[in-house]
Amino acid sequence: MSKSIVLKDYLKIKVSIADRVYPLTIKPEEEEKIRAAAKAIEGTLKKYEEGYAVRDKQDLLAMCALQLASRLEKNKDKEMVDASSISQQLGQLEQILETAIKP
């Protein structure tokens, strides 16, 4: 388990990815997400390591980065569609409320 040290509103932590330790200075509220991200990367690396004959960590990291970036791109499109739909629905609701309020 990694240690955490608090310094003036920031934490100095260490995360391990692909058998290397990376020191980071982060805001305390970011710690949980950073550790979860490192854990997700480690899990993906392990899955690729077990499923493919690739043993070079660099190749595994590249495959992992591509998969995670692909998911991010997919989610960007999804969020834009949802935000557009919500905006349209709010506009319709606003019109209904304006009509109901007018004497």
PDB file of N, CA and C in Angstrom:
ATOM      1  N   MET A   1       0.862  -1.184   0.000  1.00  0.00           N
ATOM      2  CA  MET A   1       0.000   0.000   0.000  1.00  0.00           C
ATOM      3  C   MET A   1       0.896   1.231   0.000  1.00  0.00           C
ATOM      4  N   SER A   2       0.487   2.228  -0.754  1.00  0.00           N
ATOM      5  CA  SER A   2       1.251   3.453  -0.897  1.00  0.00           C
ATOM      6  C   SER A   2       0.990   4.396   0.273  1.00  0.00           C
ATOM      7  N   LYS A   3       1.990   5.192   0.597  1.00  0.00           N
ATOM      8  CA  LYS A   3       1.858   6.178   1.667  1.00  0.00           C
ATOM      9  C   LYS A   3       1.365   7.494   1.100  1.00  0.00           C
ATOM     10  N   SER A   4       0.721   8.284   1.958  1.00  0.00           N
ATOM     11  CA  SER A   4       0.260   9.609   1.589  1.00  0.00           C
ATOM     12  C   SER A   4       0.826  10.616   2.575  1.00  0.00           C
ATOM     13  N   ILE A   5       1.306  11.755   2.073  1.00  0.00           N
ATOM     14  CA  ILE A   5       1.835  12.819   2.914  1.00  0.00           C
ATOM     15  C   ILE A   5       1.118  14.104   2.517  1.00  0.00           C
ATOM     16  N   VAL A   6       0.574  14.842   3.494  1.00  0.00           N
ATOM     17  CA  VAL A   6      -0.143  16.087   3.207  1.00  0.00           C
ATOM     18  C   VAL A   6       0.828  17.256   3.262  1.00  0.00           C
ATOM     19  N   LEU A   7       0.857  18.084   2.198  1.00  0.00           N
ATOM     20  CA  LEU A   7       1.686  19.284   2.158  1.00  0.00           C
ATOM     21  C   LEU A   7       0.871  20.460   1.635  1.00  0.00           C
ATOM     22  N   LYS A   8       0.539  21.429   2.472  1.00  0.00           N
ATOM     23  CA  LYS A   8      -0.142  22.655   2.064  1.00  0.00           C
ATOM     24  C   LYS A   8      -1.236  22.412   1.027  1.00  0.00           C
ATOM     25  N   ASP A   9      -2.282  21.771   1.388  1.00  0.00           N
ATOM     26  CA  ASP A   9      -3.426  21.517   0.524  1.00  0.00           C
ATOM     27  C   ASP A   9      -3.148  20.526  -0.612  1.00  0.00           C
ATOM     28  N   TYR A  10      -2.011  19.878  -0.593  1.00  0.00           N
ATOM     29  CA  TYR A  10      -1.700  18.866  -1.602  1.00  0.00           C
ATOM     30  C   TYR A  10      -1.210  17.599  -0.924  1.00  0.00           C
ATOM     31  N   LEU A  11      -1.381  16.494  -1.630  1.00  0.00           N
ATOM     32  CA  LEU A  11      -0.882  15.205  -1.148  1.00  0.00           C
ATOM     33  C   LEU A  11       0.249  14.747  -2.055  1.00  0.00           C
ATOM     34  N   LYS A  12       1.255  14.170  -1.452  1.00  0.00           N
ATOM     35  CA  LYS A  12       2.286  13.496  -2.231  1.00  0.00           C
ATOM     36  C   LYS A  12       2.000  12.014  -2.076  1.00  0.00           C
ATOM     37  N   ILE A  13       1.683  11.363  -3.201  1.00  0.00           N
ATOM     38  CA  ILE A  13       1.375   9.936  -3.168  1.00  0.00           C
ATOM     39  C   ILE A  13       2.258   9.210  -4.172  1.00  0.00           C
ATOM     40  N   LYS A  14       2.265   7.907  -4.069  1.00  0.00           N
ATOM     41  CA  LYS A  14       2.968   7.076  -5.041  1.00  0.00           C
ATOM     42  C   LYS A  14       1.993   6.037  -5.557  1.00  0.00           C
ATOM     43  N   VAL A  15       1.953   5.894  -6.887  1.00  0.00           N
ATOM     44  CA  VAL A  15       1.128   4.860  -7.497  1.00  0.00           C
ATOM     45  C   VAL A  15       2.043   3.956  -8.317  1.00  0.00           C
ATOM     46  N   SER A  16       1.668   2.704  -8.386  1.00  0.00           N
ATOM     47  CA  SER A  16       2.447   1.729  -9.129  1.00  0.00           C
ATOM     48  C   SER A  16       1.686   1.324 -10.387  1.00  0.00           C
ATOM     49  N   ILE A  17       2.372   1.453 -11.516  1.00  0.00           N
ATOM     50  CA  ILE A  17       1.806   1.050 -12.804  1.00  0.00           C
ATOM     51  C   ILE A  17       2.898   0.321 -13.578  1.00  0.00           C
ATOM     52  N   ALA A  18       2.579  -0.882 -14.028  1.00  0.00           N
ATOM     53  CA  ALA A  18       3.508  -1.689 -14.834  1.00  0.00           C
ATOM     54  C   ALA A  18       4.860  -1.863 -14.147  1.00  0.00           C
ATOM     55  N   ASP A  19       4.799  -2.198 -12.886  1.00  0.00           N
ATOM     56  CA  ASP A  19       6.008  -2.467 -12.087  1.00  0.00           C
ATOM     57  C   ASP A  19       6.918  -1.261 -11.893  1.00  0.00           C
ATOM     58  N   ARG A  20       6.360  -0.075 -12.058  1.00  0.00           N
ATOM     59  CA  ARG A  20       7.111   1.147 -11.781  1.00  0.00           C
ATOM     60  C   ARG A  20       6.308   2.004 -10.822  1.00  0.00           C
ATOM     61  N   VAL A  21       7.007   2.718  -9.967  1.00  0.00           N
ATOM     62  CA  VAL A  21       6.360   3.588  -8.989  1.00  0.00           C
ATOM     63  C   VAL A  21       6.465   5.027  -9.481  1.00  0.00           C
ATOM     64  N   TYR A  22       5.329   5.713  -9.458  1.00  0.00           N
ATOM     65  CA  TYR A  22       5.262   7.096  -9.914  1.00  0.00           C
ATOM     66  C   TYR A  22       4.837   8.000  -8.762  1.00  0.00           C
ATOM     67  N   PRO A  23       5.707   8.931  -8.363  1.00  0.00           N
ATOM     68  CA  PRO A  23       5.319   9.891  -7.329  1.00  0.00           C
ATOM     69  C   PRO A  23       4.469  11.000  -7.946  1.00  0.00           C
ATOM     70  N   LEU A  24       3.404  11.358  -7.261  1.00  0.00           N
ATOM     71  CA  LEU A  24       2.501  12.401  -7.741  1.00  0.00           C
ATOM     72  C   LEU A  24       2.213  13.391  -6.623  1.00  0.00           C
ATOM     73  N   THR A  25       1.986  14.632  -6.976  1.00  0.00           N
ATOM     74  CA  THR A  25       1.519  15.646  -6.042  1.00  0.00           C
ATOM     75  C   THR A  25       0.140  16.052  -6.526  1.00  0.00           C
ATOM     76  N   ILE A  26      -0.871  15.798  -5.709  1.00  0.00           N
ATOM     77  CA  ILE A  26      -2.255  15.995  -6.131  1.00  0.00           C
ATOM     78  C   ILE A  26      -3.059  16.688  -5.039  1.00  0.00           C
ATOM     79  N   LYS A  27      -4.249  17.145  -5.420  1.00  0.00           N
ATOM     80  CA  LYS A  27      -5.178  17.684  -4.431  1.00  0.00           C
ATOM     81  C   LYS A  27      -5.796  16.497  -3.689  1.00  0.00           C
ATOM     82  N   PRO A  28      -6.073  16.648  -2.407  1.00  0.00           N
ATOM     83  CA  PRO A  28      -6.622  15.531  -1.625  1.00  0.00           C
ATOM     84  C   PRO A  28      -7.901  14.932  -2.228  1.00  0.00           C
ATOM     85  N   GLU A  29      -8.754  15.771  -2.812  1.00  0.00           N
ATOM     86  CA  GLU A  29     -10.006  15.257  -3.368  1.00  0.00           C
ATOM     87  C   GLU A  29      -9.792  14.419  -4.640  1.00  0.00           C
ATOM     88  N   GLU A  30      -8.592  14.467  -5.219  1.00  0.00           N
ATOM     89  CA  GLU A  30      -8.288  13.686  -6.418  1.00  0.00           C
ATOM     90  C   GLU A  30      -7.748  12.296  -6.104  1.00  0.00           C
ATOM     91  N   GLU A  31      -7.363  12.075  -4.854  1.00  0.00           N
ATOM     92  CA  GLU A  31      -6.659  10.836  -4.521  1.00  0.00           C
ATOM     93  C   GLU A  31      -7.449   9.575  -4.872  1.00  0.00           C
ATOM     94  N   GLU A  32      -8.700   9.523  -4.503  1.00  0.00           N
ATOM     95  CA  GLU A  32      -9.498   8.325  -4.740  1.00  0.00           C
ATOM     96  C   GLU A  32      -9.596   8.006  -6.229  1.00  0.00           C
ATOM     97  N   LYS A  33      -9.819   9.034  -7.034  1.00  0.00           N
ATOM     98  CA  LYS A  33      -9.948   8.819  -8.479  1.00  0.00           C
ATOM     99  C   LYS A  33      -8.607   8.410  -9.104  1.00  0.00           C
ATOM    100  N   ILE A  34      -7.526   9.003  -8.647  1.00  0.00           N
ATOM    101  CA  ILE A  34      -6.198   8.648  -9.184  1.00  0.00           C
ATOM    102  C   ILE A  34      -5.869   7.200  -8.843  1.00  0.00           C
ATOM    103  N   ARG A  35      -6.125   6.818  -7.610  1.00  0.00           N
ATOM    104  CA  ARG A  35      -5.841   5.424  -7.211  1.00  0.00           C
ATOM    105  C   ARG A  35      -6.740   4.450  -7.968  1.00  0.00           C
ATOM    106  N   ALA A  36      -7.996   4.818  -8.182  1.00  0.00           N
ATOM    107  CA  ALA A  36      -8.907   3.961  -8.947  1.00  0.00           C
ATOM    108  C   ALA A  36      -8.437   3.850 -10.399  1.00  0.00           C
ATOM    109  N   ALA A  37      -7.960   4.954 -10.966  1.00  0.00           N
ATOM    110  CA  ALA A  37      -7.459   4.935 -12.342  1.00  0.00           C
ATOM    111  C   ALA A  37      -6.232   4.031 -12.456  1.00  0.00           C
ATOM    112  N   ALA A  38      -5.313   4.149 -11.507  1.00  0.00           N
ATOM    113  CA  ALA A  38      -4.112   3.303 -11.516  1.00  0.00           C
ATOM    114  C   ALA A  38      -4.500   1.832 -11.386  1.00  0.00           C
ATOM    115  N   LYS A  39      -5.478   1.545 -10.543  1.00  0.00           N
ATOM    116  CA  LYS A  39      -5.950   0.172 -10.366  1.00  0.00           C
ATOM    117  C   LYS A  39      -6.590  -0.353 -11.657  1.00  0.00           C
ATOM    118  N   ALA A  40      -7.355   0.503 -12.343  1.00  0.00           N
ATOM    119  CA  ALA A  40      -7.982   0.108 -13.610  1.00  0.00           C
ATOM    120  C   ALA A  40      -6.919  -0.180 -14.665  1.00  0.00           C
ATOM    121  N   ILE A  41      -5.891   0.640 -14.716  1.00  0.00           N
ATOM    122  CA  ILE A  41      -4.802   0.421 -15.669  1.00  0.00           C
ATOM    123  C   ILE A  41      -4.110  -0.904 -15.369  1.00  0.00           C
ATOM    124  N   GLU A  42      -3.819  -1.142 -14.109  1.00  0.00           N
ATOM    125  CA  GLU A  42      -3.171  -2.406 -13.717  1.00  0.00           C
ATOM    126  C   GLU A  42      -4.030  -3.603 -14.101  1.00  0.00           C
ATOM    127  N   GLY A  43      -5.338  -3.501 -13.889  1.00  0.00           N
ATOM    128  CA  GLY A  43      -6.245  -4.596 -14.247  1.00  0.00           C
ATOM    129  C   GLY A  43      -6.259  -4.855 -15.742  1.00  0.00           C
ATOM    130  N   THR A  44      -6.285  -3.784 -16.522  1.00  0.00           N
ATOM    131  CA  THR A  44      -6.281  -3.908 -17.977  1.00  0.00           C
ATOM    132  C   THR A  44      -4.961  -4.508 -18.458  1.00  0.00           C
ATOM    133  N   LEU A  45      -3.856  -4.059 -17.876  1.00  0.00           N
ATOM    134  CA  LEU A  45      -2.550  -4.611 -18.237  1.00  0.00           C
ATOM    135  C   LEU A  45      -2.486  -6.104 -17.956  1.00  0.00           C
ATOM    136  N   LYS A  46      -2.996  -6.495 -16.805  1.00  0.00           N
ATOM    137  CA  LYS A  46      -2.983  -7.914 -16.426  1.00  0.00           C
ATOM    138  C   LYS A  46      -3.811  -8.743 -17.409  1.00  0.00           C
ATOM    139  N   LYS A  47      -4.975  -8.201 -17.800  1.00  0.00           N
ATOM    140  CA  LYS A  47      -5.846  -8.893 -18.745  1.00  0.00           C
ATOM    141  C   LYS A  47      -5.130  -9.085 -20.085  1.00  0.00           C
ATOM    142  N   TYR A  48      -4.463  -8.026 -20.569  1.00  0.00           N
ATOM    143  CA  TYR A  48      -3.729  -8.130 -21.833  1.00  0.00           C
ATOM    144  C   TYR A  48      -2.551  -9.100 -21.704  1.00  0.00           C
ATOM    145  N   GLU A  49      -1.882  -9.043 -20.569  1.00  0.00           N
ATOM    146  CA  GLU A  49      -0.730  -9.918 -20.339  1.00  0.00           C
ATOM    147  C   GLU A  49      -1.153 -11.388 -20.373  1.00  0.00           C
ATOM    148  N   GLU A  50      -2.298 -11.684 -19.782  1.00  0.00           N
ATOM    149  CA  GLU A  50      -2.793 -13.060 -19.735  1.00  0.00           C
ATOM    150  C   GLU A  50      -3.390 -13.509 -21.068  1.00  0.00           C
ATOM    151  N   GLY A  51      -3.952 -12.576 -21.825  1.00  0.00           N
ATOM    152  CA  GLY A  51      -4.659 -12.936 -23.047  1.00  0.00           C
ATOM    153  C   GLY A  51      -3.821 -12.928 -24.310  1.00  0.00           C
ATOM    154  N   TYR A  52      -2.682 -12.280 -24.269  1.00  0.00           N
ATOM    155  CA  TYR A  52      -1.852 -12.171 -25.463  1.00  0.00           C
ATOM    156  C   TYR A  52      -0.435 -12.607 -25.155  1.00  0.00           C
ATOM    157  N   ALA A  53       0.303 -12.937 -26.183  1.00  0.00           N
ATOM    158  CA  ALA A  53       1.682 -13.395 -26.007  1.00  0.00           C
ATOM    159  C   ALA A  53       2.650 -12.233 -25.801  1.00  0.00           C
ATOM    160  N   VAL A  54       2.138 -11.029 -25.776  1.00  0.00           N
ATOM    161  CA  VAL A  54       2.969  -9.839 -25.614  1.00  0.00           C
ATOM    162  C   VAL A  54       3.510  -9.778 -24.189  1.00  0.00           C
ATOM    163  N   ARG A  55       4.793  -9.620 -24.066  1.00  0.00           N
ATOM    164  CA  ARG A  55       5.403  -9.536 -22.735  1.00  0.00           C
ATOM    165  C   ARG A  55       6.099  -8.185 -22.496  1.00  0.00           C
ATOM    166  N   ASP A  56       6.240  -7.406 -23.553  1.00  0.00           N
ATOM    167  CA  ASP A  56       6.875  -6.101 -23.428  1.00  0.00           C
ATOM    168  C   ASP A  56       5.897  -5.132 -22.767  1.00  0.00           C
ATOM    169  N   LYS A  57       6.255  -4.589 -21.645  1.00  0.00           N
ATOM    170  CA  LYS A  57       5.372  -3.678 -20.901  1.00  0.00           C
ATOM    171  C   LYS A  57       4.987  -2.459 -21.737  1.00  0.00           C
ATOM    172  N   GLN A  58       5.894  -1.994 -22.572  1.00  0.00           N
ATOM    173  CA  GLN A  58       5.606  -0.831 -23.417  1.00  0.00           C
ATOM    174  C   GLN A  58       4.435  -1.127 -24.351  1.00  0.00           C
ATOM    175  N   ASP A  59       4.442  -2.315 -24.960  1.00  0.00           N
ATOM    176  CA  ASP A  59       3.343  -2.700 -25.853  1.00  0.00           C
ATOM    177  C   ASP A  59       2.037  -2.834 -25.080  1.00  0.00           C
ATOM    178  N   LEU A  60       2.112  -3.419 -23.903  1.00  0.00           N
ATOM    179  CA  LEU A  60       0.915  -3.569 -23.074  1.00  0.00           C
ATOM    180  C   LEU A  60       0.354  -2.214 -22.661  1.00  0.00           C
ATOM    181  N   LEU A  61       1.238  -1.297 -22.292  1.00  0.00           N
ATOM    182  CA  LEU A  61       0.800   0.052 -21.917  1.00  0.00           C
ATOM    183  C   LEU A  61       0.169   0.777 -23.108  1.00  0.00           C
ATOM    184  N   ALA A  62       0.736   0.599 -24.307  1.00  0.00           N
ATOM    185  CA  ALA A  62       0.169   1.228 -25.496  1.00  0.00           C
ATOM    186  C   ALA A  62      -1.227   0.674 -25.772  1.00  0.00           C
ATOM    187  N   MET A  63      -1.404  -0.639 -25.655  1.00  0.00           N
ATOM    188  CA  MET A  63      -2.713  -1.252 -25.870  1.00  0.00           C
ATOM    189  C   MET A  63      -3.718  -0.744 -24.837  1.00  0.00           C
ATOM    190  N   CYS A  64      -3.273  -0.633 -23.605  1.00  0.00           N
ATOM    191  CA  CYS A  64      -4.129  -0.141 -22.520  1.00  0.00           C
ATOM    192  C   CYS A  64      -4.521   1.318 -22.770  1.00  0.00           C
ATOM    193  N   ALA A  65      -3.563   2.136 -23.152  1.00  0.00           N
ATOM    194  CA  ALA A  65      -3.835   3.552 -23.429  1.00  0.00           C
ATOM    195  C   ALA A  65      -4.834   3.689 -24.572  1.00  0.00           C
ATOM    196  N   LEU A  66      -4.671   2.880 -25.603  1.00  0.00           N
ATOM    197  CA  LEU A  66      -5.588   2.936 -26.736  1.00  0.00           C
ATOM    198  C   LEU A  66      -7.005   2.552 -26.316  1.00  0.00           C
ATOM    199  N   GLN A  67      -7.130   1.509 -25.515  1.00  0.00           N
ATOM    200  CA  GLN A  67      -8.450   1.083 -25.059  1.00  0.00           C
ATOM    201  C   GLN A  67      -9.112   2.165 -24.208  1.00  0.00           C
ATOM    202  N   LEU A  68      -8.374   2.738 -23.263  1.00  0.00           N
ATOM    203  CA  LEU A  68      -8.946   3.756 -22.387  1.00  0.00           C
ATOM    204  C   LEU A  68      -9.283   5.031 -23.158  1.00  0.00           C
ATOM    205  N   ALA A  69      -8.430   5.428 -24.110  1.00  0.00           N
ATOM    206  CA  ALA A  69      -8.713   6.615 -24.922  1.00  0.00           C
ATOM    207  C   ALA A  69      -9.934   6.388 -25.805  1.00  0.00           C
ATOM    208  N   SER A  70     -10.073   5.164 -26.309  1.00  0.00           N
ATOM    209  CA  SER A  70     -11.230   4.814 -27.123  1.00  0.00           C
ATOM    210  C   SER A  70     -12.514   4.927 -26.313  1.00  0.00           C
ATOM    211  N   ARG A  71     -12.487   4.443 -25.088  1.00  0.00           N
ATOM    212  CA  ARG A  71     -13.661   4.561 -24.204  1.00  0.00           C
ATOM    213  C   ARG A  71     -13.993   6.024 -23.938  1.00  0.00           C
ATOM    214  N   LEU A  72     -12.981   6.828 -23.725  1.00  0.00           N
ATOM    215  CA  LEU A  72     -13.181   8.255 -23.465  1.00  0.00           C
ATOM    216  C   LEU A  72     -13.854   8.922 -24.656  1.00  0.00           C
ATOM    217  N   GLU A  73     -13.381   8.630 -25.857  1.00  0.00           N
ATOM    218  CA  GLU A  73     -13.978   9.196 -27.062  1.00  0.00           C
ATOM    219  C   GLU A  73     -15.427   8.757 -27.219  1.00  0.00           C
ATOM    220  N   LYS A  74     -15.690   7.503 -26.949  1.00  0.00           N
ATOM    221  CA  LYS A  74     -17.052   6.974 -27.049  1.00  0.00           C
ATOM    222  C   LYS A  74     -17.973   7.693 -26.064  1.00  0.00           C
ATOM    223  N   ASN A  75     -17.488   7.917 -24.857  1.00  0.00           N
ATOM    224  CA  ASN A  75     -18.288   8.586 -23.833  1.00  0.00           C
ATOM    225  C   ASN A  75     -18.501  10.062 -24.141  1.00  0.00           C
ATOM    226  N   LYS A  76     -17.549  10.701 -24.802  1.00  0.00           N
ATOM    227  CA  LYS A  76     -17.718  12.107 -25.180  1.00  0.00           C
ATOM    228  C   LYS A  76     -18.930  12.261 -26.079  1.00  0.00           C
ATOM    229  N   ASP A  77     -19.032  11.410 -27.090  1.00  0.00           N
ATOM    230  CA  ASP A  77     -20.171  11.469 -28.007  1.00  0.00           C
ATOM    231  C   ASP A  77     -21.475  11.211 -27.274  1.00  0.00           C
ATOM    232  N   LYS A  78     -21.471  10.254 -26.390  1.00  0.00           N
ATOM    233  CA  LYS A  78     -22.674   9.896 -25.644  1.00  0.00           C
ATOM    234  C   LYS A  78     -23.125  11.063 -24.763  1.00  0.00           C
ATOM    235  N   GLU A  79     -22.186  11.709 -24.085  1.00  0.00           N
ATOM    236  CA  GLU A  79     -22.522  12.838 -23.216  1.00  0.00           C
ATOM    237  C   GLU A  79     -23.092  13.993 -24.020  1.00  0.00           C
ATOM    238  N   MET A  80     -22.562  14.244 -25.208  1.00  0.00           N
ATOM    239  CA  MET A  80     -23.047  15.346 -26.030  1.00  0.00           C
ATOM    240  C   MET A  80     -24.489  15.104 -26.454  1.00  0.00           C
ATOM    241  N   VAL A  81     -24.825  13.898 -26.790  1.00  0.00           N
ATOM    242  CA  VAL A  81     -26.190  13.561 -27.188  1.00  0.00           C
ATOM    243  C   VAL A  81     -27.126  13.750 -26.004  1.00  0.00           C
ATOM    244  N   ASP A  82     -26.730  13.265 -24.851  1.00  0.00           N
ATOM    245  CA  ASP A  82     -27.557  13.388 -23.660  1.00  0.00           C
ATOM    246  C   ASP A  82     -27.759  14.856 -23.283  1.00  0.00           C
ATOM    247  N   ALA A  83     -26.710  15.660 -23.345  1.00  0.00           N
ATOM    248  CA  ALA A  83     -26.811  17.072 -22.980  1.00  0.00           C
ATOM    249  C   ALA A  83     -27.725  17.806 -23.950  1.00  0.00           C
ATOM    250  N   SER A  84     -27.642  17.478 -25.213  1.00  0.00           N
ATOM    251  CA  SER A  84     -28.497  18.115 -26.212  1.00  0.00           C
ATOM    252  C   SER A  84     -29.960  17.776 -25.956  1.00  0.00           C
ATOM    253  N   SER A  85     -30.229  16.519 -25.665  1.00  0.00           N
ATOM    254  CA  SER A  85     -31.591  16.069 -25.389  1.00  0.00           C
ATOM    255  C   SER A  85     -32.138  16.750 -24.137  1.00  0.00           C
ATOM    256  N   ILE A  86     -31.336  16.834 -23.130  1.00  0.00           N
ATOM    257  CA  ILE A  86     -31.763  17.472 -21.876  1.00  0.00           C
ATOM    258  C   ILE A  86     -32.033  18.951 -22.105  1.00  0.00           C
ATOM    259  N   SER A  87     -31.177  19.600 -22.868  1.00  0.00           N
ATOM    260  CA  SER A  87     -31.365  21.015 -23.158  1.00  0.00           C
ATOM    261  C   SER A  87     -32.689  21.245 -23.890  1.00  0.00           C
ATOM    262  N   GLN A  88     -32.983  20.383 -24.842  1.00  0.00           N
ATOM    263  CA  GLN A  88     -34.241  20.500 -25.592  1.00  0.00           C
ATOM    264  C   GLN A  88     -35.440  20.294 -24.667  1.00  0.00           C
ATOM    265  N   GLN A  89     -35.376  19.304 -23.806  1.00  0.00           N
ATOM    266  CA  GLN A  89     -36.469  19.035 -22.875  1.00  0.00           C
ATOM    267  C   GLN A  89     -36.662  20.178 -21.895  1.00  0.00           C
ATOM    268  N   LEU A  90     -35.563  20.771 -21.449  1.00  0.00           N
ATOM    269  CA  LEU A  90     -35.674  21.916 -20.540  1.00  0.00           C
ATOM    270  C   LEU A  90     -36.324  23.106 -21.242  1.00  0.00           C
ATOM    271  N   GLY A  91     -36.001  23.297 -22.510  1.00  0.00           N
ATOM    272  CA  GLY A  91     -36.623  24.371 -23.279  1.00  0.00           C
ATOM    273  C   GLY A  91     -38.130  24.177 -23.393  1.00  0.00           C
ATOM    274  N   GLN A  92     -38.537  22.939 -23.648  1.00  0.00           N
ATOM    275  CA  GLN A  92     -39.965  22.634 -23.735  1.00  0.00           C
ATOM    276  C   GLN A  92     -40.651  22.860 -22.391  1.00  0.00           C
ATOM    277  N   LEU A  93     -39.999  22.448 -21.328  1.00  0.00           N
ATOM    278  CA  LEU A  93     -40.554  22.632 -19.983  1.00  0.00           C
ATOM    279  C   LEU A  93     -40.681  24.114 -19.657  1.00  0.00           C
ATOM    280  N   GLU A  94     -39.693  24.886 -20.058  1.00  0.00           N
ATOM    281  CA  GLU A  94     -39.731  26.327 -19.828  1.00  0.00           C
ATOM    282  C   GLU A  94     -40.929  26.966 -20.536  1.00  0.00           C
ATOM    283  N   GLN A  95     -41.187  26.549 -21.766  1.00  0.00           N
ATOM    284  CA  GLN A  95     -42.341  27.075 -22.512  1.00  0.00           C
ATOM    285  C   GLN A  95     -43.646  26.713 -21.819  1.00  0.00           C
ATOM    286  N   ILE A  96     -43.754  25.495 -21.366  1.00  0.00           N
ATOM    287  CA  ILE A  96     -44.972  25.047 -20.664  1.00  0.00           C
ATOM    288  C   ILE A  96     -45.186  25.866 -19.399  1.00  0.00           C
ATOM    289  N   LEU A  97     -44.118  26.101 -18.636  1.00  0.00           N
ATOM    290  CA  LEU A  97     -44.224  26.884 -17.406  1.00  0.00           C
ATOM    291  C   LEU A  97     -44.594  28.333 -17.697  1.00  0.00           C
ATOM    292  N   GLU A  98     -44.007  28.917 -18.737  1.00  0.00           N
ATOM    293  CA  GLU A  98     -44.336  30.300 -19.094  1.00  0.00           C
ATOM    294  C   GLU A  98     -45.814  30.415 -19.471  1.00  0.00           C
ATOM    295  N   THR A  99     -46.300  29.439 -20.220  1.00  0.00           N
ATOM    296  CA  THR A  99     -47.711  29.438 -20.625  1.00  0.00           C
ATOM    297  C   THR A  99     -48.616  29.297 -19.406  1.00  0.00           C
ATOM    298  N   ALA A 100     -48.224  28.462 -18.465  1.00  0.00           N
ATOM    299  CA  ALA A 100     -49.045  28.227 -17.275  1.00  0.00           C
ATOM    300  C   ALA A 100     -49.047  29.419 -16.345  1.00  0.00           C
ATOM    301  N   ILE A 101     -47.985  30.182 -16.315  1.00  0.00           N
ATOM    302  CA  ILE A 101     -47.867  31.319 -15.401  1.00  0.00           C
ATOM    303  C   ILE A 101     -48.587  32.551 -15.937  1.00  0.00           C
ATOM    304  N   LYS A 102     -48.663  32.720 -17.249  1.00  0.00           N
ATOM    305  CA  LYS A 102     -49.292  33.904 -17.833  1.00  0.00           C
ATOM    306  C   LYS A 102     -50.778  33.919 -17.485  1.00  0.00           C
ATOM    307  N   PRO A 103     -51.288  35.113 -17.090  1.00  0.00           N
ATOM    308  CA  PRO A 103     -52.705  35.217 -16.721  1.00  0.00           C
ATOM    309  C   PRO A 103     -53.625  35.120 -17.916  1.00  0.00           C
TER     310      PRO A 103
END
